[in-house]
Amino acid sequence: MKDDYNELGRSYFPGIDVSKLDDETKREIEADIKADFDAGYEGILNLPKKARFGVYLAYIYYTALFKKISNIPSSRILEERISISKPQKASLLFGSYVRHSFNLI
Protein backbone atom coordinates (compact mmCIF):
# COMPACT_ATOMS: atom_id res chain seq x y z
CA MET A 1 0.00 0.00 0.00
CA LYS A 2 2.95 2.29 0.70
CA ASP A 3 4.18 2.25 -2.90
CA ASP A 4 0.67 2.48 -4.31
CA TYR A 5 -0.05 5.55 -2.18
CA ASN A 6 3.33 7.32 -2.18
CA GLU A 7 4.78 6.33 -5.56
CA LEU A 8 1.70 5.81 -7.74
CA GLY A 9 -0.80 8.13 -6.06
CA ARG A 10 -3.38 5.36 -5.71
CA SER A 11 -5.98 5.46 -2.97
CA TYR A 12 -8.21 2.46 -2.40
CA PHE A 13 -10.35 4.22 0.19
CA PRO A 14 -12.00 7.38 -1.19
CA GLY A 15 -12.23 10.20 1.30
CA ILE A 16 -9.60 8.70 3.60
CA ASP A 17 -6.08 10.09 3.86
CA VAL A 18 -4.12 6.90 4.53
CA SER A 19 -1.11 8.92 5.68
CA LYS A 20 -3.27 9.85 8.70
CA LEU A 21 -4.82 6.41 9.16
CA ASP A 22 -5.70 5.60 12.78
CA ASP A 23 -6.91 2.38 14.40
CA GLU A 24 -10.57 3.45 14.44
CA THR A 25 -10.61 4.30 10.74
CA LYS A 26 -8.75 1.07 10.00
CA ARG A 27 -11.44 -0.92 11.86
CA GLU A 28 -14.17 0.84 9.83
CA ILE A 29 -12.40 -0.01 6.58
CA GLU A 30 -11.94 -3.61 7.75
CA ALA A 31 -15.65 -3.94 8.55
CA ASP A 32 -16.49 -2.75 5.03
CA ILE A 33 -14.00 -5.17 3.48
CA LYS A 34 -15.31 -8.05 5.62
CA ALA A 35 -18.84 -7.37 4.36
CA ASP A 36 -17.53 -7.48 0.78
CA PHE A 37 -15.78 -10.80 1.46
CA ASP A 38 -18.95 -12.25 2.99
CA ALA A 39 -21.01 -11.22 -0.04
CA GLY A 40 -18.30 -12.52 -2.37
CA TYR A 41 -18.32 -15.91 -0.68
CA GLU A 42 -22.08 -16.20 -1.23
CA GLY A 43 -21.49 -15.44 -4.90
CA ILE A 44 -18.78 -18.11 -5.12
CA LEU A 45 -21.20 -20.72 -3.82
CA ASN A 46 -23.54 -19.91 -6.72
CA LEU A 47 -20.91 -20.38 -9.42
CA PRO A 48 -20.85 -23.51 -11.55
CA LYS A 49 -18.25 -25.93 -10.18
CA LYS A 50 -16.10 -25.65 -13.33
CA ALA A 51 -15.75 -21.89 -12.81
CA ARG A 52 -15.55 -21.88 -9.03
CA PHE A 53 -12.04 -23.09 -8.13
CA GLY A 54 -10.02 -20.11 -9.39
CA VAL A 55 -12.41 -17.61 -7.86
CA TYR A 56 -12.49 -19.56 -4.59
CA LEU A 57 -8.68 -19.74 -4.49
CA ALA A 58 -8.43 -15.98 -4.99
CA TYR A 59 -10.99 -15.50 -2.22
CA ILE A 60 -8.98 -17.74 0.15
CA TYR A 61 -5.72 -15.96 -0.68
CA TYR A 62 -7.11 -12.47 -0.21
CA THR A 63 -8.95 -13.50 2.95
CA ALA A 64 -5.65 -14.76 4.41
CA LEU A 65 -3.94 -11.51 3.41
CA PHE A 66 -6.80 -9.51 4.92
CA LYS A 67 -6.49 -11.40 8.22
CA LYS A 68 -2.77 -10.65 8.29
CA ILE A 69 -3.39 -6.95 7.63
CA SER A 70 -6.14 -6.89 10.26
CA ASN A 71 -3.62 -7.97 12.89
CA ILE A 72 -1.24 -5.12 12.14
CA PRO A 73 -1.67 -1.74 13.85
CA SER A 74 -2.64 1.16 11.60
CA SER A 75 0.69 2.85 12.31
CA ARG A 76 2.51 0.05 10.46
CA ILE A 77 0.31 -0.15 7.36
CA LEU A 78 2.47 2.25 5.34
CA GLU A 79 5.70 1.10 6.96
CA GLU A 80 6.03 -2.44 5.64
CA ARG A 81 5.00 -4.75 2.85
CA ILE A 82 2.47 -7.29 4.04
CA SER A 83 2.39 -10.54 2.10
CA ILE A 84 1.71 -14.25 2.24
CA SER A 85 4.78 -16.50 2.26
CA LYS A 86 5.32 -19.04 -0.51
CA PRO A 87 4.81 -22.02 1.84
CA GLN A 88 1.56 -20.51 3.08
CA LYS A 89 0.45 -19.89 -0.51
CA ALA A 90 1.12 -23.56 -1.29
CA SER A 91 -0.87 -24.58 1.77
CA LEU A 92 -3.77 -22.33 0.75
CA LEU A 93 -3.71 -23.82 -2.75
CA PHE A 94 -3.71 -27.40 -1.48
CA GLY A 95 -6.44 -26.80 1.11
CA SER A 96 -8.59 -24.94 -1.40
CA TYR A 97 -8.20 -27.69 -3.97
CA VAL A 98 -9.22 -30.37 -1.49
CA ARG A 99 -12.25 -28.40 -0.25
CA HIS A 100 -13.29 -27.61 -3.83
CA SER A 101 -12.80 -31.19 -5.05
CA PHE A 102 -14.95 -32.63 -2.26
CA ASN A 103 -17.56 -29.84 -2.35
CA LEU A 104 -16.59 -28.69 1.15
CA ILE A 105 -16.66 -24.96 0.51
PDB file of N, CA and C in Angstrom:
ATOM      1  N   MET A   1       0.819  -1.179   0.000  1.00  0.00           N
ATOM      2  CA  MET A   1       0.000   0.000   0.000  1.00  0.00           C
ATOM      3  C   MET A   1       0.874   1.258   0.000  1.00  0.00           C
ATOM      4  N   LYS A   2       2.036   1.151   0.626  1.00  0.00           N
ATOM      5  CA  LYS A   2       2.949   2.294   0.701  1.00  0.00           C
ATOM      6  C   LYS A   2       3.335   2.787  -0.700  1.00  0.00           C
ATOM      7  N   ASP A   3       3.790   1.862  -1.549  1.00  0.00           N
ATOM      8  CA  ASP A   3       4.182   2.254  -2.904  1.00  0.00           C
ATOM      9  C   ASP A   3       2.991   2.737  -3.716  1.00  0.00           C
ATOM     10  N   ASP A   4       1.864   2.058  -3.586  1.00  0.00           N
ATOM     11  CA  ASP A   4       0.674   2.483  -4.315  1.00  0.00           C
ATOM     12  C   ASP A   4       0.303   3.916  -3.936  1.00  0.00           C
ATOM     13  N   TYR A   5       0.354   4.217  -2.656  1.00  0.00           N
ATOM     14  CA  TYR A   5      -0.054   5.546  -2.181  1.00  0.00           C
ATOM     15  C   TYR A   5       1.028   6.595  -2.474  1.00  0.00           C
ATOM     16  N   ASN A   6       2.258   6.320  -2.063  1.00  0.00           N
ATOM     17  CA  ASN A   6       3.329   7.318  -2.184  1.00  0.00           C
ATOM     18  C   ASN A   6       3.902   7.440  -3.592  1.00  0.00           C
ATOM     19  N   GLU A   7       4.125   6.321  -4.256  1.00  0.00           N
ATOM     20  CA  GLU A   7       4.775   6.334  -5.563  1.00  0.00           C
ATOM     21  C   GLU A   7       3.792   6.513  -6.723  1.00  0.00           C
ATOM     22  N   LEU A   8       2.639   5.827  -6.629  1.00  0.00           N
ATOM     23  CA  LEU A   8       1.700   5.811  -7.742  1.00  0.00           C
ATOM     24  C   LEU A   8       0.480   6.703  -7.539  1.00  0.00           C
ATOM     25  N   GLY A   9       0.331   7.252  -6.336  1.00  0.00           N
ATOM     26  CA  GLY A   9      -0.796   8.135  -6.057  1.00  0.00           C
ATOM     27  C   GLY A   9      -2.141   7.432  -6.008  1.00  0.00           C
ATOM     28  N   ARG A  10      -2.134   6.125  -5.764  1.00  0.00           N
ATOM     29  CA  ARG A  10      -3.379   5.359  -5.708  1.00  0.00           C
ATOM     30  C   ARG A  10      -3.969   5.420  -4.305  1.00  0.00           C
ATOM     31  N   SER A  11      -5.276   5.524  -4.246  1.00  0.00           N
ATOM     32  CA  SER A  11      -5.982   5.464  -2.966  1.00  0.00           C
ATOM     33  C   SER A  11      -7.145   4.498  -3.129  1.00  0.00           C
ATOM     34  N   TYR A  12      -7.161   3.479  -2.306  1.00  0.00           N
ATOM     35  CA  TYR A  12      -8.205   2.462  -2.396  1.00  0.00           C
ATOM     36  C   TYR A  12      -9.410   2.798  -1.530  1.00  0.00           C
ATOM     37  N   PHE A  13      -9.291   3.850  -0.737  1.00  0.00           N
ATOM     38  CA  PHE A  13     -10.345   4.223   0.190  1.00  0.00           C
ATOM     39  C   PHE A  13     -10.693   5.685  -0.004  1.00  0.00           C
ATOM     40  N   PRO A  14     -11.636   5.985  -0.899  1.00  0.00           N
ATOM     41  CA  PRO A  14     -12.001   7.378  -1.194  1.00  0.00           C
ATOM     42  C   PRO A  14     -12.385   8.133   0.077  1.00  0.00           C
ATOM     43  N   GLY A  15     -11.891   9.347   0.163  1.00  0.00           N
ATOM     44  CA  GLY A  15     -12.228  10.196   1.300  1.00  0.00           C
ATOM     45  C   GLY A  15     -11.387   9.941   2.534  1.00  0.00           C
ATOM     46  N   ILE A  16     -10.441   9.003   2.449  1.00  0.00           N
ATOM     47  CA  ILE A  16      -9.595   8.701   3.600  1.00  0.00           C
ATOM     48  C   ILE A  16      -8.143   8.975   3.235  1.00  0.00           C
ATOM     49  N   ASP A  17      -7.500   9.793   4.042  1.00  0.00           N
ATOM     50  CA  ASP A  17      -6.084  10.086   3.861  1.00  0.00           C
ATOM     51  C   ASP A  17      -5.307   9.009   4.610  1.00  0.00           C
ATOM     52  N   VAL A  18      -4.776   8.029   3.878  1.00  0.00           N
ATOM     53  CA  VAL A  18      -4.117   6.901   4.528  1.00  0.00           C
ATOM     54  C   VAL A  18      -2.846   7.302   5.268  1.00  0.00           C
ATOM     55  N   SER A  19      -2.293   8.460   4.938  1.00  0.00           N
ATOM     56  CA  SER A  19      -1.111   8.918   5.678  1.00  0.00           C
ATOM     57  C   SER A  19      -1.486   9.310   7.109  1.00  0.00           C
ATOM     58  N   LYS A  20      -2.783   9.501   7.358  1.00  0.00           N
ATOM     59  CA  LYS A  20      -3.270   9.850   8.698  1.00  0.00           C
ATOM     60  C   LYS A  20      -4.171   8.743   9.253  1.00  0.00           C
ATOM     61  N   LEU A  21      -3.978   7.539   8.766  1.00  0.00           N
ATOM     62  CA  LEU A  21      -4.815   6.407   9.162  1.00  0.00           C
ATOM     63  C   LEU A  21      -4.628   6.105  10.650  1.00  0.00           C
ATOM     64  N   ASP A  22      -5.749   5.985  11.366  1.00  0.00           N
ATOM     65  CA  ASP A  22      -5.703   5.601  12.776  1.00  0.00           C
ATOM     66  C   ASP A  22      -6.425   4.266  12.948  1.00  0.00           C
ATOM     67  N   ASP A  23      -6.335   3.711  14.159  1.00  0.00           N
ATOM     68  CA  ASP A  23      -6.909   2.382  14.397  1.00  0.00           C
ATOM     69  C   ASP A  23      -8.426   2.357  14.208  1.00  0.00           C
ATOM     70  N   GLU A  24      -9.108   3.411  14.589  1.00  0.00           N
ATOM     71  CA  GLU A  24     -10.575   3.449  14.440  1.00  0.00           C
ATOM     72  C   GLU A  24     -10.973   3.438  12.971  1.00  0.00           C
ATOM     73  N   THR A  25     -10.321   4.263  12.178  1.00  0.00           N
ATOM     74  CA  THR A  25     -10.614   4.298  10.739  1.00  0.00           C
ATOM     75  C   THR A  25     -10.262   2.959  10.098  1.00  0.00           C
ATOM     76  N   LYS A  26      -9.152   2.379  10.524  1.00  0.00           N
ATOM     77  CA  LYS A  26      -8.753   1.066  10.002  1.00  0.00           C
ATOM     78  C   LYS A  26      -9.827   0.025  10.300  1.00  0.00           C
ATOM     79  N   ARG A  27     -10.378   0.029  11.501  1.00  0.00           N
ATOM     80  CA  ARG A  27     -11.444  -0.925  11.856  1.00  0.00           C
ATOM     81  C   ARG A  27     -12.688  -0.708  10.991  1.00  0.00           C
ATOM     82  N   GLU A  28     -13.019   0.543  10.693  1.00  0.00           N
ATOM     83  CA  GLU A  28     -14.170   0.839   9.831  1.00  0.00           C
ATOM     84  C   GLU A  28     -13.941   0.292   8.425  1.00  0.00           C
ATOM     85  N   ILE A  29     -12.746   0.505   7.914  1.00  0.00           N
ATOM     86  CA  ILE A  29     -12.402  -0.009   6.584  1.00  0.00           C
ATOM     87  C   ILE A  29     -12.469  -1.534   6.591  1.00  0.00           C
ATOM     88  N   GLU A  30     -11.933  -2.149   7.647  1.00  0.00           N
ATOM     89  CA  GLU A  30     -11.940  -3.608   7.745  1.00  0.00           C
ATOM     90  C   GLU A  30     -13.360  -4.159   7.796  1.00  0.00           C
ATOM     91  N   ALA A  31     -14.255  -3.486   8.492  1.00  0.00           N
ATOM     92  CA  ALA A  31     -15.654  -3.939   8.554  1.00  0.00           C
ATOM     93  C   ALA A  31     -16.281  -3.907   7.161  1.00  0.00           C
ATOM     94  N   ASP A  32     -15.970  -2.875   6.397  1.00  0.00           N
ATOM     95  CA  ASP A  32     -16.491  -2.755   5.035  1.00  0.00           C
ATOM     96  C   ASP A  32     -15.926  -3.864   4.143  1.00  0.00           C
ATOM     97  N   ILE A  33     -14.640  -4.110   4.272  1.00  0.00           N
ATOM     98  CA  ILE A  33     -13.999  -5.167   3.484  1.00  0.00           C
ATOM     99  C   ILE A  33     -14.563  -6.530   3.867  1.00  0.00           C
ATOM    100  N   LYS A  34     -14.750  -6.772   5.147  1.00  0.00           N
ATOM    101  CA  LYS A  34     -15.312  -8.049   5.621  1.00  0.00           C
ATOM    102  C   LYS A  34     -16.694  -8.283   5.014  1.00  0.00           C
ATOM    103  N   ALA A  35     -17.509  -7.241   4.968  1.00  0.00           N
ATOM    104  CA  ALA A  35     -18.843  -7.366   4.364  1.00  0.00           C
ATOM    105  C   ALA A  35     -18.727  -7.736   2.880  1.00  0.00           C
ATOM    106  N   ASP A  36     -17.754  -7.145   2.190  1.00  0.00           N
ATOM    107  CA  ASP A  36     -17.531  -7.484   0.779  1.00  0.00           C
ATOM    108  C   ASP A  36     -17.098  -8.940   0.627  1.00  0.00           C
ATOM    109  N   PHE A  37     -16.201  -9.400   1.503  1.00  0.00           N
ATOM    110  CA  PHE A  37     -15.777 -10.799   1.457  1.00  0.00           C
ATOM    111  C   PHE A  37     -16.950 -11.736   1.709  1.00  0.00           C
ATOM    112  N   ASP A  38     -17.786 -11.410   2.687  1.00  0.00           N
ATOM    113  CA  ASP A  38     -18.948 -12.251   2.988  1.00  0.00           C
ATOM    114  C   ASP A  38     -19.886 -12.347   1.787  1.00  0.00           C
ATOM    115  N   ALA A  39     -20.145 -11.224   1.146  1.00  0.00           N
ATOM    116  CA  ALA A  39     -21.008 -11.218  -0.040  1.00  0.00           C
ATOM    117  C   ALA A  39     -20.338 -11.976  -1.186  1.00  0.00           C
ATOM    118  N   GLY A  40     -19.032 -11.820  -1.321  1.00  0.00           N
ATOM    119  CA  GLY A  40     -18.301 -12.523  -2.369  1.00  0.00           C
ATOM    120  C   GLY A  40     -18.365 -14.029  -2.196  1.00  0.00           C
ATOM    121  N   TYR A  41     -18.250 -14.472  -0.954  1.00  0.00           N
ATOM    122  CA  TYR A  41     -18.324 -15.911  -0.683  1.00  0.00           C
ATOM    123  C   TYR A  41     -19.678 -16.476  -1.112  1.00  0.00           C
ATOM    124  N   GLU A  42     -20.738 -15.749  -0.816  1.00  0.00           N
ATOM    125  CA  GLU A  42     -22.078 -16.199  -1.228  1.00  0.00           C
ATOM    126  C   GLU A  42     -22.147 -16.315  -2.745  1.00  0.00           C
ATOM    127  N   GLY A  43     -21.520 -15.375  -3.439  1.00  0.00           N
ATOM    128  CA  GLY A  43     -21.490 -15.442  -4.899  1.00  0.00           C
ATOM    129  C   GLY A  43     -20.705 -16.635  -5.404  1.00  0.00           C
ATOM    130  N   ILE A  44     -19.601 -16.954  -4.738  1.00  0.00           N
ATOM    131  CA  ILE A  44     -18.784 -18.106  -5.121  1.00  0.00           C
ATOM    132  C   ILE A  44     -19.597 -19.397  -5.041  1.00  0.00           C
ATOM    133  N   LEU A  45     -20.390 -19.511  -3.996  1.00  0.00           N
ATOM    134  CA  LEU A  45     -21.205 -20.720  -3.818  1.00  0.00           C
ATOM    135  C   LEU A  45     -22.210 -20.913  -4.952  1.00  0.00           C
ATOM    136  N   ASN A  46     -22.566 -19.837  -5.629  1.00  0.00           N
ATOM    137  CA  ASN A  46     -23.539 -19.911  -6.719  1.00  0.00           C
ATOM    138  C   ASN A  46     -22.903 -20.128  -8.090  1.00  0.00           C
ATOM    139  N   LEU A  47     -21.585 -20.149  -8.150  1.00  0.00           N
ATOM    140  CA  LEU A  47     -20.907 -20.379  -9.425  1.00  0.00           C
ATOM    141  C   LEU A  47     -20.971 -21.848  -9.815  1.00  0.00           C
ATOM    142  N   PRO A  48     -20.959 -22.118 -11.118  1.00  0.00           N
ATOM    143  CA  PRO A  48     -20.846 -23.512 -11.549  1.00  0.00           C
ATOM    144  C   PRO A  48     -19.500 -24.069 -11.073  1.00  0.00           C
ATOM    145  N   LYS A  49     -19.467 -25.348 -10.742  1.00  0.00           N
ATOM    146  CA  LYS A  49     -18.245 -25.933 -10.183  1.00  0.00           C
ATOM    147  C   LYS A  49     -17.036 -25.729 -11.095  1.00  0.00           C
ATOM    148  N   LYS A  50     -17.220 -25.818 -12.396  1.00  0.00           N
ATOM    149  CA  LYS A  50     -16.098 -25.647 -13.327  1.00  0.00           C
ATOM    150  C   LYS A  50     -15.470 -24.256 -13.232  1.00  0.00           C
ATOM    151  N   ALA A  51     -16.244 -23.272 -12.876  1.00  0.00           N
ATOM    152  CA  ALA A  51     -15.753 -21.892 -12.809  1.00  0.00           C
ATOM    153  C   ALA A  51     -15.352 -21.484 -11.394  1.00  0.00           C
ATOM    154  N   ARG A  52     -15.651 -22.288 -10.424  1.00  0.00           N
ATOM    155  CA  ARG A  52     -15.548 -21.882  -9.031  1.00  0.00           C
ATOM    156  C   ARG A  52     -14.130 -21.921  -8.453  1.00  0.00           C
ATOM    157  N   PHE A  53     -13.310 -22.891  -8.832  1.00  0.00           N
ATOM    158  CA  PHE A  53     -12.043 -23.087  -8.134  1.00  0.00           C
ATOM    159  C   PHE A  53     -11.138 -21.855  -8.157  1.00  0.00           C
ATOM    160  N   GLY A  54     -10.915 -21.275  -9.303  1.00  0.00           N
ATOM    161  CA  GLY A  54     -10.021 -20.109  -9.393  1.00  0.00           C
ATOM    162  C   GLY A  54     -10.521 -18.940  -8.569  1.00  0.00           C
ATOM    163  N   VAL A  55     -11.814 -18.708  -8.625  1.00  0.00           N
ATOM    164  CA  VAL A  55     -12.406 -17.609  -7.859  1.00  0.00           C
ATOM    165  C   VAL A  55     -12.307 -17.905  -6.361  1.00  0.00           C
ATOM    166  N   TYR A  56     -12.571 -19.153  -5.995  1.00  0.00           N
ATOM    167  CA  TYR A  56     -12.485 -19.556  -4.595  1.00  0.00           C
ATOM    168  C   TYR A  56     -11.048 -19.434  -4.089  1.00  0.00           C
ATOM    169  N   LEU A  57     -10.083 -19.852  -4.882  1.00  0.00           N
ATOM    170  CA  LEU A  57      -8.678 -19.745  -4.487  1.00  0.00           C
ATOM    171  C   LEU A  57      -8.286 -18.279  -4.266  1.00  0.00           C
ATOM    172  N   ALA A  58      -8.705 -17.409  -5.166  1.00  0.00           N
ATOM    173  CA  ALA A  58      -8.425 -15.978  -4.992  1.00  0.00           C
ATOM    174  C   ALA A  58      -9.065 -15.467  -3.705  1.00  0.00           C
ATOM    175  N   TYR A  59     -10.294 -15.892  -3.443  1.00  0.00           N
ATOM    176  CA  TYR A  59     -10.986 -15.505  -2.218  1.00  0.00           C
ATOM    177  C   TYR A  59     -10.200 -15.960  -0.983  1.00  0.00           C
ATOM    178  N   ILE A  60      -9.740 -17.191  -0.978  1.00  0.00           N
ATOM    179  CA  ILE A  60      -8.983 -17.741   0.154  1.00  0.00           C
ATOM    180  C   ILE A  60      -7.678 -16.972   0.337  1.00  0.00           C
ATOM    181  N   TYR A  61      -6.988 -16.705  -0.760  1.00  0.00           N
ATOM    182  CA  TYR A  61      -5.724 -15.962  -0.684  1.00  0.00           C
ATOM    183  C   TYR A  61      -5.945 -14.562  -0.103  1.00  0.00           C
ATOM    184  N   TYR A  62      -6.897 -13.845  -0.663  1.00  0.00           N
ATOM    185  CA  TYR A  62      -7.107 -12.466  -0.209  1.00  0.00           C
ATOM    186  C   TYR A  62      -7.717 -12.407   1.192  1.00  0.00           C
ATOM    187  N   THR A  63      -8.455 -13.432   1.582  1.00  0.00           N
ATOM    188  CA  THR A  63      -8.945 -13.497   2.954  1.00  0.00           C
ATOM    189  C   THR A  63      -7.777 -13.685   3.921  1.00  0.00           C
ATOM    190  N   ALA A  64      -6.833 -14.546   3.571  1.00  0.00           N
ATOM    191  CA  ALA A  64      -5.648 -14.757   4.411  1.00  0.00           C
ATOM    192  C   ALA A  64      -4.825 -13.471   4.516  1.00  0.00           C
ATOM    193  N   LEU A  65      -4.678 -12.775   3.404  1.00  0.00           N
ATOM    194  CA  LEU A  65      -3.944 -11.513   3.411  1.00  0.00           C
ATOM    195  C   LEU A  65      -4.676 -10.473   4.255  1.00  0.00           C
ATOM    196  N   PHE A  66      -5.983 -10.427   4.127  1.00  0.00           N
ATOM    197  CA  PHE A  66      -6.799  -9.505   4.922  1.00  0.00           C
ATOM    198  C   PHE A  66      -6.645  -9.780   6.417  1.00  0.00           C
ATOM    199  N   LYS A  67      -6.662 -11.048   6.805  1.00  0.00           N
ATOM    200  CA  LYS A  67      -6.486 -11.400   8.223  1.00  0.00           C
ATOM    201  C   LYS A  67      -5.126 -10.929   8.732  1.00  0.00           C
ATOM    202  N   LYS A  68      -4.120 -11.085   7.912  1.00  0.00           N
ATOM    203  CA  LYS A  68      -2.775 -10.649   8.295  1.00  0.00           C
ATOM    204  C   LYS A  68      -2.742  -9.131   8.473  1.00  0.00           C
ATOM    205  N   ILE A  69      -3.344  -8.411   7.551  1.00  0.00           N
ATOM    206  CA  ILE A  69      -3.392  -6.946   7.630  1.00  0.00           C
ATOM    207  C   ILE A  69      -4.212  -6.512   8.838  1.00  0.00           C
ATOM    208  N   SER A  70      -5.286  -7.233   9.129  1.00  0.00           N
ATOM    209  CA  SER A  70      -6.143  -6.885  10.264  1.00  0.00           C
ATOM    210  C   SER A  70      -5.397  -6.956  11.594  1.00  0.00           C
ATOM    211  N   ASN A  71      -4.375  -7.800  11.657  1.00  0.00           N
ATOM    212  CA  ASN A  71      -3.617  -7.967  12.894  1.00  0.00           C
ATOM    213  C   ASN A  71      -2.452  -6.990  13.044  1.00  0.00           C
ATOM    214  N   ILE A  72      -2.323  -6.090  12.105  1.00  0.00           N
ATOM    215  CA  ILE A  72      -1.235  -5.116  12.141  1.00  0.00           C
ATOM    216  C   ILE A  72      -1.805  -3.755  12.530  1.00  0.00           C
ATOM    217  N   PRO A  73      -1.183  -3.066  13.463  1.00  0.00           N
ATOM    218  CA  PRO A  73      -1.668  -1.736  13.848  1.00  0.00           C
ATOM    219  C   PRO A  73      -1.642  -0.754  12.672  1.00  0.00           C
ATOM    220  N   SER A  74      -2.547   0.176  12.697  1.00  0.00           N
ATOM    221  CA  SER A  74      -2.642   1.157  11.601  1.00  0.00           C
ATOM    222  C   SER A  74      -1.328   1.897  11.377  1.00  0.00           C
ATOM    223  N   SER A  75      -0.570   2.107  12.425  1.00  0.00           N
ATOM    224  CA  SER A  75       0.691   2.846  12.315  1.00  0.00           C
ATOM    225  C   SER A  75       1.727   2.119  11.456  1.00  0.00           C
ATOM    226  N   ARG A  76       1.549   0.829  11.244  1.00  0.00           N
ATOM    227  CA  ARG A  76       2.513   0.047  10.458  1.00  0.00           C
ATOM    228  C   ARG A  76       2.073  -0.211   9.027  1.00  0.00           C
ATOM    229  N   ILE A  77       0.842   0.160   8.693  1.00  0.00           N
ATOM    230  CA  ILE A  77       0.308  -0.146   7.360  1.00  0.00           C
ATOM    231  C   ILE A  77       1.187   0.416   6.240  1.00  0.00           C
ATOM    232  N   LEU A  78       1.637   1.646   6.379  1.00  0.00           N
ATOM    233  CA  LEU A  78       2.471   2.248   5.336  1.00  0.00           C
ATOM    234  C   LEU A  78       3.964   2.037   5.573  1.00  0.00           C
ATOM    235  N   GLU A  79       4.300   1.298   6.610  1.00  0.00           N
ATOM    236  CA  GLU A  79       5.703   1.100   6.960  1.00  0.00           C
ATOM    237  C   GLU A  79       6.309  -0.157   6.359  1.00  0.00           C
ATOM    238  N   GLU A  80       5.486  -1.158   6.072  1.00  0.00           N
ATOM    239  CA  GLU A  80       6.032  -2.435   5.635  1.00  0.00           C
ATOM    240  C   GLU A  80       5.136  -3.088   4.587  1.00  0.00           C
ATOM    241  N   ARG A  81       5.748  -3.974   3.835  1.00  0.00           N
ATOM    242  CA  ARG A  81       4.996  -4.752   2.849  1.00  0.00           C
ATOM    243  C   ARG A  81       4.421  -5.975   3.555  1.00  0.00           C
ATOM    244  N   ILE A  82       3.147  -6.175   3.402  1.00  0.00           N
ATOM    245  CA  ILE A  82       2.473  -7.291   4.042  1.00  0.00           C
ATOM    246  C   ILE A  82       2.146  -8.305   2.949  1.00  0.00           C
ATOM    247  N   SER A  83       2.596  -9.529   3.141  1.00  0.00           N
ATOM    248  CA  SER A  83       2.393 -10.541   2.097  1.00  0.00           C
ATOM    249  C   SER A  83       2.208 -11.916   2.714  1.00  0.00           C
ATOM    250  N   ILE A  84       1.871 -12.853   1.870  1.00  0.00           N
ATOM    251  CA  ILE A  84       1.707 -14.249   2.241  1.00  0.00           C
ATOM    252  C   ILE A  84       2.949 -14.999   1.751  1.00  0.00           C
ATOM    253  N   SER A  85       3.562 -15.772   2.632  1.00  0.00           N
ATOM    254  CA  SER A  85       4.783 -16.504   2.262  1.00  0.00           C
ATOM    255  C   SER A  85       4.480 -17.580   1.214  1.00  0.00           C
ATOM    256  N   LYS A  86       5.499 -17.983   0.496  1.00  0.00           N
ATOM    257  CA  LYS A  86       5.323 -19.038  -0.512  1.00  0.00           C
ATOM    258  C   LYS A  86       4.826 -20.346   0.099  1.00  0.00           C
ATOM    259  N   PRO A  87       5.363 -20.786   1.237  1.00  0.00           N
ATOM    260  CA  PRO A  87       4.814 -22.019   1.836  1.00  0.00           C
ATOM    261  C   PRO A  87       3.343 -21.873   2.224  1.00  0.00           C
ATOM    262  N   GLN A  88       2.961 -20.707   2.727  1.00  0.00           N
ATOM    263  CA  GLN A  88       1.557 -20.513   3.084  1.00  0.00           C
ATOM    264  C   GLN A  88       0.688 -20.482   1.832  1.00  0.00           C
ATOM    265  N   LYS A  89       1.188 -19.887   0.753  1.00  0.00           N
ATOM    266  CA  LYS A  89       0.450 -19.895  -0.513  1.00  0.00           C
ATOM    267  C   LYS A  89       0.217 -21.332  -0.983  1.00  0.00           C
ATOM    268  N   ALA A  90       1.250 -22.164  -0.881  1.00  0.00           N
ATOM    269  CA  ALA A  90       1.115 -23.563  -1.291  1.00  0.00           C
ATOM    270  C   ALA A  90       0.078 -24.272  -0.421  1.00  0.00           C
ATOM    271  N   SER A  91       0.103 -23.991   0.863  1.00  0.00           N
ATOM    272  CA  SER A  91      -0.875 -24.584   1.771  1.00  0.00           C
ATOM    273  C   SER A  91      -2.289 -24.125   1.437  1.00  0.00           C
ATOM    274  N   LEU A  92      -2.451 -22.851   1.128  1.00  0.00           N
ATOM    275  CA  LEU A  92      -3.771 -22.329   0.746  1.00  0.00           C
ATOM    276  C   LEU A  92      -4.261 -22.989  -0.537  1.00  0.00           C
ATOM    277  N   LEU A  93      -3.355 -23.167  -1.495  1.00  0.00           N
ATOM    278  CA  LEU A  93      -3.706 -23.821  -2.754  1.00  0.00           C
ATOM    279  C   LEU A  93      -4.155 -25.262  -2.506  1.00  0.00           C
ATOM    280  N   PHE A  94      -3.376 -25.993  -1.743  1.00  0.00           N
ATOM    281  CA  PHE A  94      -3.711 -27.397  -1.478  1.00  0.00           C
ATOM    282  C   PHE A  94      -5.043 -27.518  -0.732  1.00  0.00           C
ATOM    283  N   GLY A  95      -5.203 -26.750   0.329  1.00  0.00           N
ATOM    284  CA  GLY A  95      -6.439 -26.801   1.106  1.00  0.00           C
ATOM    285  C   GLY A  95      -7.652 -26.410   0.285  1.00  0.00           C
ATOM    286  N   SER A  96      -7.488 -25.385  -0.540  1.00  0.00           N
ATOM    287  CA  SER A  96      -8.589 -24.935  -1.399  1.00  0.00           C
ATOM    288  C   SER A  96      -8.961 -25.997  -2.415  1.00  0.00           C
ATOM    289  N   TYR A  97      -7.941 -26.643  -2.981  1.00  0.00           N
ATOM    290  CA  TYR A  97      -8.196 -27.686  -3.971  1.00  0.00           C
ATOM    291  C   TYR A  97      -8.959 -28.855  -3.349  1.00  0.00           C
ATOM    292  N   VAL A  98      -8.542 -29.259  -2.166  1.00  0.00           N
ATOM    293  CA  VAL A  98      -9.219 -30.374  -1.488  1.00  0.00           C
ATOM    294  C   VAL A  98     -10.672 -29.998  -1.177  1.00  0.00           C
ATOM    295  N   ARG A  99     -10.876 -28.818  -0.591  1.00  0.00           N
ATOM    296  CA  ARG A  99     -12.247 -28.400  -0.252  1.00  0.00           C
ATOM    297  C   ARG A  99     -13.113 -28.300  -1.508  1.00  0.00           C
ATOM    298  N   HIS A 100     -12.542 -27.739  -2.575  1.00  0.00           N
ATOM    299  CA  HIS A 100     -13.293 -27.613  -3.830  1.00  0.00           C
ATOM    300  C   HIS A 100     -13.605 -28.988  -4.410  1.00  0.00           C
ATOM    301  N   SER A 101     -12.625 -29.867  -4.448  1.00  0.00           N
ATOM    302  CA  SER A 101     -12.804 -31.192  -5.046  1.00  0.00           C
ATOM    303  C   SER A 101     -13.875 -32.024  -4.348  1.00  0.00           C
ATOM    304  N   PHE A 102     -13.976 -31.847  -3.030  1.00  0.00           N
ATOM    305  CA  PHE A 102     -14.945 -32.633  -2.261  1.00  0.00           C
ATOM    306  C   PHE A 102     -16.188 -31.827  -1.891  1.00  0.00           C
ATOM    307  N   ASN A 103     -16.390 -30.700  -2.593  1.00  0.00           N
ATOM    308  CA  ASN A 103     -17.559 -29.839  -2.347  1.00  0.00           C
ATOM    309  C   ASN A 103     -17.705 -29.458  -0.874  1.00  0.00           C
ATOM    310  N   LEU A 104     -16.605 -29.063  -0.267  1.00  0.00           N
ATOM    311  CA  LEU A 104     -16.595 -28.688   1.146  1.00  0.00           C
ATOM    312  C   LEU A 104     -16.517 -27.181   1.377  1.00  0.00           C
ATOM    313  N   ILE A 105     -16.741 -26.417   0.325  1.00  0.00           N
ATOM    314  CA  ILE A 105     -16.656 -24.963   0.509  1.00  0.00           C
ATOM    315  C   ILE A 105     -18.001 -24.391   0.923  1.00  0.00           C
TER     316      ILE A 105
END
